[in-house]
Amino acid sequence: VSISDGDATVFRYEYRRSIADYLWNSWYVQLTNFKD
């Protein structure tokens, strides 16, 4: 649990949309490698 009263705290079921980029970008790159 993060100690934060700020916005977009994941433990409060609220997060910025930009958090979605990382897994998408990372895993699709590696799928290219596994397909190769």
Full PDB file with SEQRES, HELIX, SHEET, SSBOND, CRYST1, ORIGX, SCALE, CONECT and MASTER records, all heavy atoms in Angstrom:
SEQRES   1 A   36  VAL SER ILE SER ASP GLY ASP ALA THR VAL PHE ARG TYR          
SEQRES   2 A   36  GLU TYR ARG ARG SER ILE ALA ASP TYR LEU TRP ASN SER          
SEQRES   3 A   36  TRP TYR VAL GLN LEU THR ASN PHE LYS ASP                      
HELIX    1 AA1 VAL A   10  ARG A   12  5                                   3    
HELIX    2 AA2 ARG A   17  ALA A   20  5                                   4    
HELIX    3 AA3 ASP A   21  LYS A   35  1                                  15    
CRYST1    1.000    1.000    1.000  90.00  90.00  90.00 P 1           1          
ORIGX1      1.000000  0.000000  0.000000        0.00000                         
ORIGX2      0.000000  1.000000  0.000000        0.00000                         
ORIGX3      0.000000  0.000000  1.000000        0.00000                         
SCALE1      1.000000  0.000000  0.000000        0.00000                         
SCALE2      0.000000  1.000000  0.000000        0.00000                         
SCALE3      0.000000  0.000000  1.000000        0.00000                         
ATOM      1  N   VAL A   1       0.863  -1.184   0.000  1.00  0.00           N  
ATOM      2  CA  VAL A   1       0.000   0.000   0.000  1.00  0.00           C  
ATOM      3  C   VAL A   1       0.898   1.231   0.000  1.00  0.00           C  
ATOM      4  O   VAL A   1       1.724   1.408   0.901  1.00  0.00           O  
ATOM      5  CB  VAL A   1      -0.913   0.044   1.247  1.00  0.00           C  
ATOM      6  CG1 VAL A   1      -1.852   1.244   1.159  1.00  0.00           C  
ATOM      7  CG2 VAL A   1      -1.698  -1.235   1.417  1.00  0.00           C  
ATOM      8  N   SER A   2       0.756   2.073  -0.994  1.00  0.00           N  
ATOM      9  CA  SER A   2       1.545   3.304  -1.046  1.00  0.00           C  
ATOM     10  C   SER A   2       1.027   4.290  -0.005  1.00  0.00           C  
ATOM     11  O   SER A   2      -0.171   4.328   0.295  1.00  0.00           O  
ATOM     12  CB  SER A   2       1.457   3.934  -2.441  1.00  0.00           C  
ATOM     13  OG  SER A   2       2.057   3.102  -3.410  1.00  0.00           O  
ATOM     14  N   ILE A   3       1.923   5.061   0.516  1.00  0.00           N  
ATOM     15  CA  ILE A   3       1.532   6.102   1.469  1.00  0.00           C  
ATOM     16  C   ILE A   3       1.400   7.387   0.683  1.00  0.00           C  
ATOM     17  O   ILE A   3       2.356   8.117   0.440  1.00  0.00           O  
ATOM     18  CB  ILE A   3       2.577   6.242   2.597  1.00  0.00           C  
ATOM     19  CG1 ILE A   3       2.817   4.881   3.257  1.00  0.00           C  
ATOM     20  CG2 ILE A   3       2.113   7.268   3.624  1.00  0.00           C  
ATOM     21  CD1 ILE A   3       1.568   4.237   3.843  1.00  0.00           C  
ATOM     22  N   SER A   4       0.182   7.645   0.209  1.00  0.00           N  
ATOM     23  CA  SER A   4      -0.032   8.793  -0.670  1.00  0.00           C  
ATOM     24  C   SER A   4      -1.487   9.245  -0.624  1.00  0.00           C  
ATOM     25  O   SER A   4      -2.405   8.424  -0.607  1.00  0.00           O  
ATOM     26  CB  SER A   4       0.330   8.417  -2.114  1.00  0.00           C  
ATOM     27  OG  SER A   4      -0.030   9.438  -3.002  1.00  0.00           O  
ATOM     28  N   ASP A   5      -1.664  10.539  -0.610  1.00  0.00           N  
ATOM     29  CA  ASP A   5      -2.996  11.118  -0.726  1.00  0.00           C  
ATOM     30  C   ASP A   5      -3.178  11.768  -2.097  1.00  0.00           C  
ATOM     31  O   ASP A   5      -4.127  12.514  -2.327  1.00  0.00           O  
ATOM     32  CB  ASP A   5      -3.231  12.175   0.373  1.00  0.00           C  
ATOM     33  CG  ASP A   5      -3.494  11.531   1.733  1.00  0.00           C  
ATOM     34  OD1 ASP A   5      -3.835  10.341   1.760  1.00  0.00           O  
ATOM     35  OD2 ASP A   5      -3.328  12.229   2.756  1.00  0.00           O  
ATOM     36  N   GLY A   6      -2.250  11.474  -3.012  1.00  0.00           N  
ATOM     37  CA  GLY A   6      -2.309  12.059  -4.337  1.00  0.00           C  
ATOM     38  C   GLY A   6      -3.316  11.360  -5.237  1.00  0.00           C  
ATOM     39  O   GLY A   6      -3.950  10.366  -4.861  1.00  0.00           O  
ATOM     40  N   ASP A   7      -3.449  11.895  -6.435  1.00  0.00           N  
ATOM     41  CA  ASP A   7      -4.357  11.307  -7.413  1.00  0.00           C  
ATOM     42  C   ASP A   7      -3.725  10.069  -8.041  1.00  0.00           C  
ATOM     43  O   ASP A   7      -2.523   9.845  -7.974  1.00  0.00           O  
ATOM     44  CB  ASP A   7      -4.670  12.326  -8.516  1.00  0.00           C  
ATOM     45  CG  ASP A   7      -5.434  13.532  -7.998  1.00  0.00           C  
ATOM     46  OD1 ASP A   7      -6.172  13.378  -7.010  1.00  0.00           O  
ATOM     47  OD2 ASP A   7      -5.275  14.628  -8.575  1.00  0.00           O  
ATOM     48  N   ALA A   8      -4.567   9.275  -8.690  1.00  0.00           N  
ATOM     49  CA  ALA A   8      -4.111   8.114  -9.469  1.00  0.00           C  
ATOM     50  C   ALA A   8      -3.298   7.135  -8.635  1.00  0.00           C  
ATOM     51  O   ALA A   8      -2.227   6.679  -9.023  1.00  0.00           O  
ATOM     52  CB  ALA A   8      -3.304   8.579 -10.682  1.00  0.00           C  
ATOM     53  N   THR A   9      -3.819   6.791  -7.467  1.00  0.00           N  
ATOM     54  CA  THR A   9      -3.162   5.797  -6.626  1.00  0.00           C  
ATOM     55  C   THR A   9      -3.790   4.436  -6.906  1.00  0.00           C  
ATOM     56  O   THR A   9      -4.995   4.248  -6.722  1.00  0.00           O  
ATOM     57  CB  THR A   9      -3.328   6.159  -5.130  1.00  0.00           C  
ATOM     58  OG1 THR A   9      -4.680   6.535  -4.885  1.00  0.00           O  
ATOM     59  CG2 THR A   9      -2.406   7.298  -4.751  1.00  0.00           C  
ATOM     60  N   VAL A  10      -2.977   3.503  -7.356  1.00  0.00           N  
ATOM     61  CA  VAL A  10      -3.485   2.214  -7.817  1.00  0.00           C  
ATOM     62  C   VAL A  10      -4.253   1.488  -6.725  1.00  0.00           C  
ATOM     63  O   VAL A  10      -5.294   0.871  -6.989  1.00  0.00           O  
ATOM     64  CB  VAL A  10      -2.322   1.339  -8.336  1.00  0.00           C  
ATOM     65  CG1 VAL A  10      -2.819  -0.036  -8.759  1.00  0.00           C  
ATOM     66  CG2 VAL A  10      -1.616   2.020  -9.511  1.00  0.00           C  
ATOM     67  N   PHE A  11      -3.787   1.559  -5.479  1.00  0.00           N  
ATOM     68  CA  PHE A  11      -4.451   0.826  -4.408  1.00  0.00           C  
ATOM     69  C   PHE A  11      -5.857   1.340  -4.133  1.00  0.00           C  
ATOM     70  O   PHE A  11      -6.661   0.654  -3.490  1.00  0.00           O  
ATOM     71  CB  PHE A  11      -3.609   0.854  -3.119  1.00  0.00           C  
ATOM     72  CG  PHE A  11      -3.576   2.190  -2.414  1.00  0.00           C  
ATOM     73  CD1 PHE A  11      -4.514   2.491  -1.438  1.00  0.00           C  
ATOM     74  CD2 PHE A  11      -2.602   3.125  -2.709  1.00  0.00           C  
ATOM     75  CE1 PHE A  11      -4.493   3.711  -0.777  1.00  0.00           C  
ATOM     76  CE2 PHE A  11      -2.559   4.342  -2.049  1.00  0.00           C  
ATOM     77  CZ  PHE A  11      -3.512   4.642  -1.084  1.00  0.00           C  
ATOM     78  N   ARG A  12      -6.164   2.540  -4.645  1.00  0.00           N  
ATOM     79  CA  ARG A  12      -7.540   3.067  -4.532  1.00  0.00           C  
ATOM     80  C   ARG A  12      -8.357   2.793  -5.798  1.00  0.00           C  
ATOM     81  O   ARG A  12      -9.429   3.367  -5.986  1.00  0.00           O  
ATOM     82  CB  ARG A  12      -7.518   4.576  -4.245  1.00  0.00           C  
ATOM     83  CG  ARG A  12      -7.020   4.942  -2.853  1.00  0.00           C  
ATOM     84  CD  ARG A  12      -7.398   6.375  -2.491  1.00  0.00           C  
ATOM     85  NE  ARG A  12      -6.858   6.744  -1.199  1.00  0.00           N  
ATOM     86  CZ  ARG A  12      -5.716   7.437  -1.015  1.00  0.00           C  
ATOM     87  NH1 ARG A  12      -5.039   7.856  -2.067  1.00  0.00           N  
ATOM     88  NH2 ARG A  12      -5.283   7.707   0.198  1.00  0.00           N  
ATOM     89  N   TYR A  13      -7.860   1.914  -6.659  1.00  0.00           N  
ATOM     90  CA  TYR A  13      -8.531   1.560  -7.910  1.00  0.00           C  
ATOM     91  C   TYR A  13      -8.623   2.756  -8.854  1.00  0.00           C  
ATOM     92  O   TYR A  13      -9.627   2.970  -9.540  1.00  0.00           O  
ATOM     93  CB  TYR A  13      -9.940   1.013  -7.665  1.00  0.00           C  
ATOM     94  CG  TYR A  13     -10.020  -0.233  -6.815  1.00  0.00           C  
ATOM     95  CD1 TYR A  13     -11.249  -0.718  -6.379  1.00  0.00           C  
ATOM     96  CD2 TYR A  13      -8.878  -0.955  -6.450  1.00  0.00           C  
ATOM     97  CE1 TYR A  13     -11.341  -1.873  -5.607  1.00  0.00           C  
ATOM     98  CE2 TYR A  13      -8.963  -2.107  -5.680  1.00  0.00           C  
ATOM     99  CZ  TYR A  13     -10.204  -2.554  -5.253  1.00  0.00           C  
ATOM    100  OH  TYR A  13     -10.292  -3.689  -4.492  1.00  0.00           O  
ATOM    101  N   GLU A  14      -7.544   3.520  -8.903  1.00  0.00           N  
ATOM    102  CA  GLU A  14      -7.501   4.691  -9.769  1.00  0.00           C  
ATOM    103  C   GLU A  14      -6.071   4.829 -10.287  1.00  0.00           C  
ATOM    104  O   GLU A  14      -5.125   4.846  -9.510  1.00  0.00           O  
ATOM    105  CB  GLU A  14      -7.903   5.941  -8.971  1.00  0.00           C  
ATOM    106  CG  GLU A  14      -7.928   7.213  -9.778  1.00  0.00           C  
ATOM    107  CD  GLU A  14      -8.299   8.410  -8.903  1.00  0.00           C  
ATOM    108  OE1 GLU A  14      -7.643   8.626  -7.860  1.00  0.00           O  
ATOM    109  OE2 GLU A  14      -9.247   9.125  -9.279  1.00  0.00           O  
ATOM    110  N   TYR A  15      -5.928   4.899 -11.610  1.00  0.00           N  
ATOM    111  CA  TYR A  15      -4.568   5.042 -12.137  1.00  0.00           C  
ATOM    112  C   TYR A  15      -4.591   5.715 -13.500  1.00  0.00           C  
ATOM    113  O   TYR A  15      -5.580   5.692 -14.219  1.00  0.00           O  
ATOM    114  CB  TYR A  15      -3.850   3.699 -12.221  1.00  0.00           C  
ATOM    115  CG  TYR A  15      -4.682   2.540 -12.740  1.00  0.00           C  
ATOM    116  CD1 TYR A  15      -4.763   2.249 -14.092  1.00  0.00           C  
ATOM    117  CD2 TYR A  15      -5.388   1.723 -11.850  1.00  0.00           C  
ATOM    118  CE1 TYR A  15      -5.510   1.187 -14.560  1.00  0.00           C  
ATOM    119  CE2 TYR A  15      -6.149   0.657 -12.307  1.00  0.00           C  
ATOM    120  CZ  TYR A  15      -6.205   0.390 -13.666  1.00  0.00           C  
ATOM    121  OH  TYR A  15      -6.962  -0.656 -14.129  1.00  0.00           O  
ATOM    122  N   ARG A  16      -3.467   6.331 -13.820  1.00  0.00           N  
ATOM    123  CA  ARG A  16      -3.349   7.051 -15.093  1.00  0.00           C  
ATOM    124  C   ARG A  16      -3.335   6.068 -16.262  1.00  0.00           C  
ATOM    125  O   ARG A  16      -2.768   4.988 -16.168  1.00  0.00           O  
ATOM    126  CB  ARG A  16      -2.080   7.897 -15.101  1.00  0.00           C  
ATOM    127  CG  ARG A  16      -2.115   9.035 -14.086  1.00  0.00           C  
ATOM    128  CD  ARG A  16      -0.867   9.902 -14.168  1.00  0.00           C  
ATOM    129  NE  ARG A  16      -0.956  11.037 -13.242  1.00  0.00           N  
ATOM    130  CZ  ARG A  16      -0.597  10.981 -11.974  1.00  0.00           C  
ATOM    131  NH1 ARG A  16      -0.121   9.858 -11.470  1.00  0.00           N  
ATOM    132  NH2 ARG A  16      -0.718  12.044 -11.200  1.00  0.00           N  
ATOM    133  N   ARG A  17      -3.896   6.480 -17.373  1.00  0.00           N  
ATOM    134  CA  ARG A  17      -3.957   5.616 -18.553  1.00  0.00           C  
ATOM    135  C   ARG A  17      -2.571   5.276 -19.085  1.00  0.00           C  
ATOM    136  O   ARG A  17      -2.370   4.234 -19.717  1.00  0.00           O  
ATOM    137  CB  ARG A  17      -4.806   6.291 -19.645  1.00  0.00           C  
ATOM    138  CG  ARG A  17      -6.246   6.561 -19.227  1.00  0.00           C  
ATOM    139  CD  ARG A  17      -7.023   7.248 -20.323  1.00  0.00           C  
ATOM    140  NE  ARG A  17      -7.487   6.319 -21.328  1.00  0.00           N  
ATOM    141  CZ  ARG A  17      -8.675   5.703 -21.295  1.00  0.00           C  
ATOM    142  NH1 ARG A  17      -9.507   5.911 -20.282  1.00  0.00           N  
ATOM    143  NH2 ARG A  17      -9.028   4.881 -22.262  1.00  0.00           N  
ATOM    144  N   SER A  18      -1.608   6.150 -18.841  1.00  0.00           N  
ATOM    145  CA  SER A  18      -0.252   5.924 -19.352  1.00  0.00           C  
ATOM    146  C   SER A  18       0.410   4.692 -18.735  1.00  0.00           C  
ATOM    147  O   SER A  18       1.403   4.190 -19.277  1.00  0.00           O  
ATOM    148  CB  SER A  18       0.620   7.157 -19.094  1.00  0.00           C  
ATOM    149  OG  SER A  18       0.679   7.446 -17.703  1.00  0.00           O  
ATOM    150  N   ILE A  19      -0.133   4.177 -17.626  1.00  0.00           N  
ATOM    151  CA  ILE A  19       0.455   3.001 -17.002  1.00  0.00           C  
ATOM    152  C   ILE A  19       0.328   1.777 -17.904  1.00  0.00           C  
ATOM    153  O   ILE A  19       1.062   0.801 -17.758  1.00  0.00           O  
ATOM    154  CB  ILE A  19      -0.193   2.725 -15.622  1.00  0.00           C  
ATOM    155  CG1 ILE A  19       0.723   1.847 -14.763  1.00  0.00           C  
ATOM    156  CG2 ILE A  19      -1.558   2.057 -15.763  1.00  0.00           C  
ATOM    157  CD1 ILE A  19       0.269   1.706 -13.311  1.00  0.00           C  
ATOM    158  N   ALA A  20      -0.590   1.848 -18.876  1.00  0.00           N  
ATOM    159  CA  ALA A  20      -0.861   0.697 -19.737  1.00  0.00           C  
ATOM    160  C   ALA A  20       0.219   0.456 -20.787  1.00  0.00           C  
ATOM    161  O   ALA A  20       0.325  -0.643 -21.337  1.00  0.00           O  
ATOM    162  CB  ALA A  20      -2.209   0.881 -20.441  1.00  0.00           C  
ATOM    163  N   ASP A  21       1.027   1.462 -21.087  1.00  0.00           N  
ATOM    164  CA  ASP A  21       1.975   1.353 -22.197  1.00  0.00           C  
ATOM    165  C   ASP A  21       3.043   0.285 -21.966  1.00  0.00           C  
ATOM    166  O   ASP A  21       3.432  -0.427 -22.898  1.00  0.00           O  
ATOM    167  CB  ASP A  21       2.675   2.696 -22.434  1.00  0.00           C  
ATOM    168  CG  ASP A  21       1.723   3.775 -22.896  1.00  0.00           C  
ATOM    169  OD1 ASP A  21       0.499   3.598 -22.756  1.00  0.00           O  
ATOM    170  OD2 ASP A  21       2.205   4.814 -23.389  1.00  0.00           O  
ATOM    171  N   TYR A  22       3.530   0.183 -20.741  1.00  0.00           N  
ATOM    172  CA  TYR A  22       4.754  -0.577 -20.481  1.00  0.00           C  
ATOM    173  C   TYR A  22       4.631  -2.062 -20.826  1.00  0.00           C  
ATOM    174  O   TYR A  22       5.470  -2.608 -21.559  1.00  0.00           O  
ATOM    175  CB  TYR A  22       5.162  -0.398 -19.013  1.00  0.00           C  
ATOM    176  CG  TYR A  22       6.417  -1.157 -18.644  1.00  0.00           C  
ATOM    177  CD1 TYR A  22       7.641  -0.805 -19.189  1.00  0.00           C  
ATOM    178  CD2 TYR A  22       6.368  -2.220 -17.752  1.00  0.00           C  
ATOM    179  CE1 TYR A  22       8.796  -1.501 -18.852  1.00  0.00           C  
ATOM    180  CE2 TYR A  22       7.512  -2.924 -17.415  1.00  0.00           C  
ATOM    181  CZ  TYR A  22       8.722  -2.558 -17.967  1.00  0.00           C  
ATOM    182  OH  TYR A  22       9.853  -3.257 -17.643  1.00  0.00           O  
ATOM    183  N   LEU A  23       3.629  -2.734 -20.313  1.00  0.00           N  
ATOM    184  CA  LEU A  23       3.504  -4.165 -20.585  1.00  0.00           C  
ATOM    185  C   LEU A  23       3.224  -4.416 -22.057  1.00  0.00           C  
ATOM    186  O   LEU A  23       3.759  -5.358 -22.650  1.00  0.00           O  
ATOM    187  CB  LEU A  23       2.393  -4.777 -19.721  1.00  0.00           C  
ATOM    188  CG  LEU A  23       2.696  -4.936 -18.237  1.00  0.00           C  
ATOM    189  CD1 LEU A  23       1.498  -5.536 -17.522  1.00  0.00           C  
ATOM    190  CD2 LEU A  23       3.930  -5.817 -18.019  1.00  0.00           C  
ATOM    191  N   TRP A  24       2.367  -3.612 -22.657  1.00  0.00           N  
ATOM    192  CA  TRP A  24       2.040  -3.746 -24.078  1.00  0.00           C  
ATOM    193  C   TRP A  24       3.319  -3.670 -24.914  1.00  0.00           C  
ATOM    194  O   TRP A  24       3.605  -4.555 -25.731  1.00  0.00           O  
ATOM    195  CB  TRP A  24       1.065  -2.641 -24.455  1.00  0.00           C  
ATOM    196  CG  TRP A  24       0.549  -2.635 -25.860  1.00  0.00           C  
ATOM    197  CD1 TRP A  24       1.225  -2.235 -26.981  1.00  0.00           C  
ATOM    198  CD2 TRP A  24      -0.765  -3.013 -26.303  1.00  0.00           C  
ATOM    199  NE1 TRP A  24       0.415  -2.333 -28.084  1.00  0.00           N  
ATOM    200  CE2 TRP A  24      -0.807  -2.807 -27.702  1.00  0.00           C  
ATOM    201  CE3 TRP A  24      -1.906  -3.478 -25.658  1.00  0.00           C  
ATOM    202  CZ2 TRP A  24      -1.950  -3.061 -28.459  1.00  0.00           C  
ATOM    203  CZ3 TRP A  24      -3.054  -3.734 -26.413  1.00  0.00           C  
ATOM    204  CH2 TRP A  24      -3.066  -3.530 -27.788  1.00  0.00           C  
ATOM    205  N   ASN A  25       4.088  -2.613 -24.692  1.00  0.00           N  
ATOM    206  CA  ASN A  25       5.314  -2.419 -25.476  1.00  0.00           C  
ATOM    207  C   ASN A  25       6.333  -3.532 -25.209  1.00  0.00           C  
ATOM    208  O   ASN A  25       6.941  -4.072 -26.142  1.00  0.00           O  
ATOM    209  CB  ASN A  25       5.939  -1.072 -25.139  1.00  0.00           C  
ATOM    210  CG  ASN A  25       5.065   0.098 -25.557  1.00  0.00           C  
ATOM    211  OD1 ASN A  25       4.151  -0.051 -26.355  1.00  0.00           O  
ATOM    212  ND2 ASN A  25       5.340   1.263 -25.000  1.00  0.00           N  
ATOM    213  N   SER A  26       6.518  -3.870 -23.963  1.00  0.00           N  
ATOM    214  CA  SER A  26       7.545  -4.844 -23.591  1.00  0.00           C  
ATOM    215  C   SER A  26       7.222  -6.243 -24.101  1.00  0.00           C  
ATOM    216  O   SER A  26       8.074  -6.916 -24.692  1.00  0.00           O  
ATOM    217  CB  SER A  26       7.707  -4.882 -22.067  1.00  0.00           C  
ATOM    218  OG  SER A  26       8.097  -3.627 -21.561  1.00  0.00           O  
ATOM    219  N   TRP A  27       6.002  -6.689 -23.873  1.00  0.00           N  
ATOM    220  CA  TRP A  27       5.662  -8.068 -24.232  1.00  0.00           C  
ATOM    221  C   TRP A  27       5.510  -8.270 -25.729  1.00  0.00           C  
ATOM    222  O   TRP A  27       5.891  -9.326 -26.256  1.00  0.00           O  
ATOM    223  CB  TRP A  27       4.418  -8.510 -23.470  1.00  0.00           C  
ATOM    224  CG  TRP A  27       4.725  -8.894 -22.047  1.00  0.00           C  
ATOM    225  CD1 TRP A  27       5.941  -9.259 -21.533  1.00  0.00           C  
ATOM    226  CD2 TRP A  27       3.799  -8.951 -20.954  1.00  0.00           C  
ATOM    227  NE1 TRP A  27       5.833  -9.540 -20.185  1.00  0.00           N  
ATOM    228  CE2 TRP A  27       4.525  -9.363 -19.810  1.00  0.00           C  
ATOM    229  CE3 TRP A  27       2.432  -8.705 -20.826  1.00  0.00           C  
ATOM    230  CZ2 TRP A  27       3.920  -9.537 -18.551  1.00  0.00           C  
ATOM    231  CZ3 TRP A  27       1.837  -8.866 -19.580  1.00  0.00           C  
ATOM    232  CH2 TRP A  27       2.576  -9.283 -18.465  1.00  0.00           C  
ATOM    233  N   TYR A  28       5.034  -7.285 -26.463  1.00  0.00           N  
ATOM    234  CA  TYR A  28       4.927  -7.458 -27.913  1.00  0.00           C  
ATOM    235  C   TYR A  28       6.313  -7.524 -28.574  1.00  0.00           C  
ATOM    236  O   TYR A  28       6.509  -8.257 -29.544  1.00  0.00           O  
ATOM    237  CB  TYR A  28       4.076  -6.363 -28.544  1.00  0.00           C  
ATOM    238  CG  TYR A  28       2.598  -6.703 -28.577  1.00  0.00           C  
ATOM    239  CD1 TYR A  28       1.658  -5.925 -27.920  1.00  0.00           C  
ATOM    240  CD2 TYR A  28       2.141  -7.833 -29.264  1.00  0.00           C  
ATOM    241  CE1 TYR A  28       0.297  -6.236 -27.944  1.00  0.00           C  
ATOM    242  CE2 TYR A  28       0.789  -8.169 -29.286  1.00  0.00           C  
ATOM    243  CZ  TYR A  28      -0.118  -7.368 -28.623  1.00  0.00           C  
ATOM    244  OH  TYR A  28      -1.472  -7.716 -28.642  1.00  0.00           O  
ATOM    245  N   VAL A  29       7.262  -6.778 -28.044  1.00  0.00           N  
ATOM    246  CA  VAL A  29       8.634  -6.868 -28.566  1.00  0.00           C  
ATOM    247  C   VAL A  29       9.180  -8.279 -28.376  1.00  0.00           C  
ATOM    248  O   VAL A  29       9.787  -8.865 -29.279  1.00  0.00           O  
ATOM    249  CB  VAL A  29       9.552  -5.840 -27.879  1.00  0.00           C  
ATOM    250  CG1 VAL A  29      11.021  -6.139 -28.184  1.00  0.00           C  
ATOM    251  CG2 VAL A  29       9.217  -4.422 -28.340  1.00  0.00           C  
ATOM    252  N   GLN A  30       8.969  -8.840 -27.197  1.00  0.00           N  
ATOM    253  CA  GLN A  30       9.496 -10.183 -26.932  1.00  0.00           C  
ATOM    254  C   GLN A  30       8.739 -11.251 -27.722  1.00  0.00           C  
ATOM    255  O   GLN A  30       9.310 -12.277 -28.084  1.00  0.00           O  
ATOM    256  CB  GLN A  30       9.456 -10.477 -25.430  1.00  0.00           C  
ATOM    257  CG  GLN A  30      10.277  -9.506 -24.591  1.00  0.00           C  
ATOM    258  CD  GLN A  30      11.646  -9.197 -25.203  1.00  0.00           C  
ATOM    259  OE1 GLN A  30      12.344 -10.099 -25.687  1.00  0.00           O  
ATOM    260  NE2 GLN A  30      12.036  -7.930 -25.170  1.00  0.00           N  
ATOM    261  N   LEU A  31       7.465 -11.013 -28.017  1.00  0.00           N  
ATOM    262  CA  LEU A  31       6.736 -11.950 -28.864  1.00  0.00           C  
ATOM    263  C   LEU A  31       7.342 -12.000 -30.265  1.00  0.00           C  
ATOM    264  O   LEU A  31       7.385 -13.060 -30.902  1.00  0.00           O  
ATOM    265  CB  LEU A  31       5.255 -11.563 -28.933  1.00  0.00           C  
ATOM    266  CG  LEU A  31       4.442 -12.012 -27.722  1.00  0.00           C  
ATOM    267  CD1 LEU A  31       3.102 -11.279 -27.652  1.00  0.00           C  
ATOM    268  CD2 LEU A  31       4.211 -13.515 -27.758  1.00  0.00           C  
ATOM    269  N   THR A  32       7.835 -10.862 -30.737  1.00  0.00           N  
ATOM    270  CA  THR A  32       8.544 -10.859 -32.018  1.00  0.00           C  
ATOM    271  C   THR A  32       9.755 -11.769 -31.948  1.00  0.00           C  
ATOM    272  O   THR A  32      10.027 -12.548 -32.874  1.00  0.00           O  
ATOM    273  CB  THR A  32       8.979  -9.426 -32.385  1.00  0.00           C  
ATOM    274  OG1 THR A  32       7.829  -8.590 -32.481  1.00  0.00           O  
ATOM    275  CG2 THR A  32       9.735  -9.407 -33.706  1.00  0.00           C  
ATOM    276  N   ASN A  33      10.486 -11.698 -30.841  1.00  0.00           N  
ATOM    277  CA  ASN A  33      11.673 -12.545 -30.676  1.00  0.00           C  
ATOM    278  C   ASN A  33      11.303 -14.022 -30.587  1.00  0.00           C  
ATOM    279  O   ASN A  33      11.968 -14.876 -31.177  1.00  0.00           O  
ATOM    280  CB  ASN A  33      12.458 -12.120 -29.430  1.00  0.00           C  
ATOM    281  CG  ASN A  33      13.149 -10.781 -29.619  1.00  0.00           C  
ATOM    282  OD1 ASN A  33      13.580 -10.454 -30.721  1.00  0.00           O  
ATOM    283  ND2 ASN A  33      13.245  -9.998 -28.561  1.00  0.00           N  
ATOM    284  N   PHE A  34      10.247 -14.340 -29.838  1.00  0.00           N  
ATOM    285  CA  PHE A  34       9.838 -15.743 -29.717  1.00  0.00           C  
ATOM    286  C   PHE A  34       9.331 -16.284 -31.062  1.00  0.00           C  
ATOM    287  O   PHE A  34       9.576 -17.442 -31.401  1.00  0.00           O  
ATOM    288  CB  PHE A  34       8.765 -15.899 -28.642  1.00  0.00           C  
ATOM    289  CG  PHE A  34       9.306 -15.811 -27.241  1.00  0.00           C  
ATOM    290  CD1 PHE A  34       8.761 -14.920 -26.318  1.00  0.00           C  
ATOM    291  CD2 PHE A  34      10.351 -16.621 -26.833  1.00  0.00           C  
ATOM    292  CE1 PHE A  34       9.262 -14.839 -25.023  1.00  0.00           C  
ATOM    293  CE2 PHE A  34      10.866 -16.552 -25.535  1.00  0.00           C  
ATOM    294  CZ  PHE A  34      10.313 -15.649 -24.633  1.00  0.00           C  
ATOM    295  N   LYS A  35       8.654 -15.441 -31.839  1.00  0.00           N  
ATOM    296  CA  LYS A  35       8.202 -15.884 -33.164  1.00  0.00           C  
ATOM    297  C   LYS A  35       9.386 -16.105 -34.102  1.00  0.00           C  
ATOM    298  O   LYS A  35       9.407 -17.070 -34.886  1.00  0.00           O  
ATOM    299  CB  LYS A  35       7.228 -14.858 -33.756  1.00  0.00           C  
ATOM    300  CG  LYS A  35       5.852 -14.890 -33.124  1.00  0.00           C  
ATOM    301  CD  LYS A  35       4.873 -13.992 -33.876  1.00  0.00           C  
ATOM    302  CE  LYS A  35       3.471 -14.165 -33.324  1.00  0.00           C  
ATOM    303  NZ  LYS A  35       2.462 -13.408 -34.097  1.00  0.00           N  
ATOM    304  N   ASP A  36      10.376 -15.212 -34.038  1.00  0.00           N  
ATOM    305  CA  ASP A  36      11.587 -15.396 -34.837  1.00  0.00           C  
ATOM    306  C   ASP A  36      12.300 -16.685 -34.441  1.00  0.00           C  
ATOM    307  O   ASP A  36      12.841 -17.398 -35.294  1.00  0.00           O  
ATOM    308  CB  ASP A  36      12.525 -14.207 -34.653  1.00  0.00           C  
ATOM    309  CG  ASP A  36      12.060 -12.958 -35.391  1.00  0.00           C  
ATOM    310  OD1 ASP A  36      11.148 -13.082 -36.237  1.00  0.00           O  
ATOM    311  OD2 ASP A  36      12.599 -11.874 -35.119  1.00  0.00           O  
TER     312      ASP A  36                                                      
MASTER        0    0    0    3    0    0    0    6  311    1    0    3          
END                                                                             
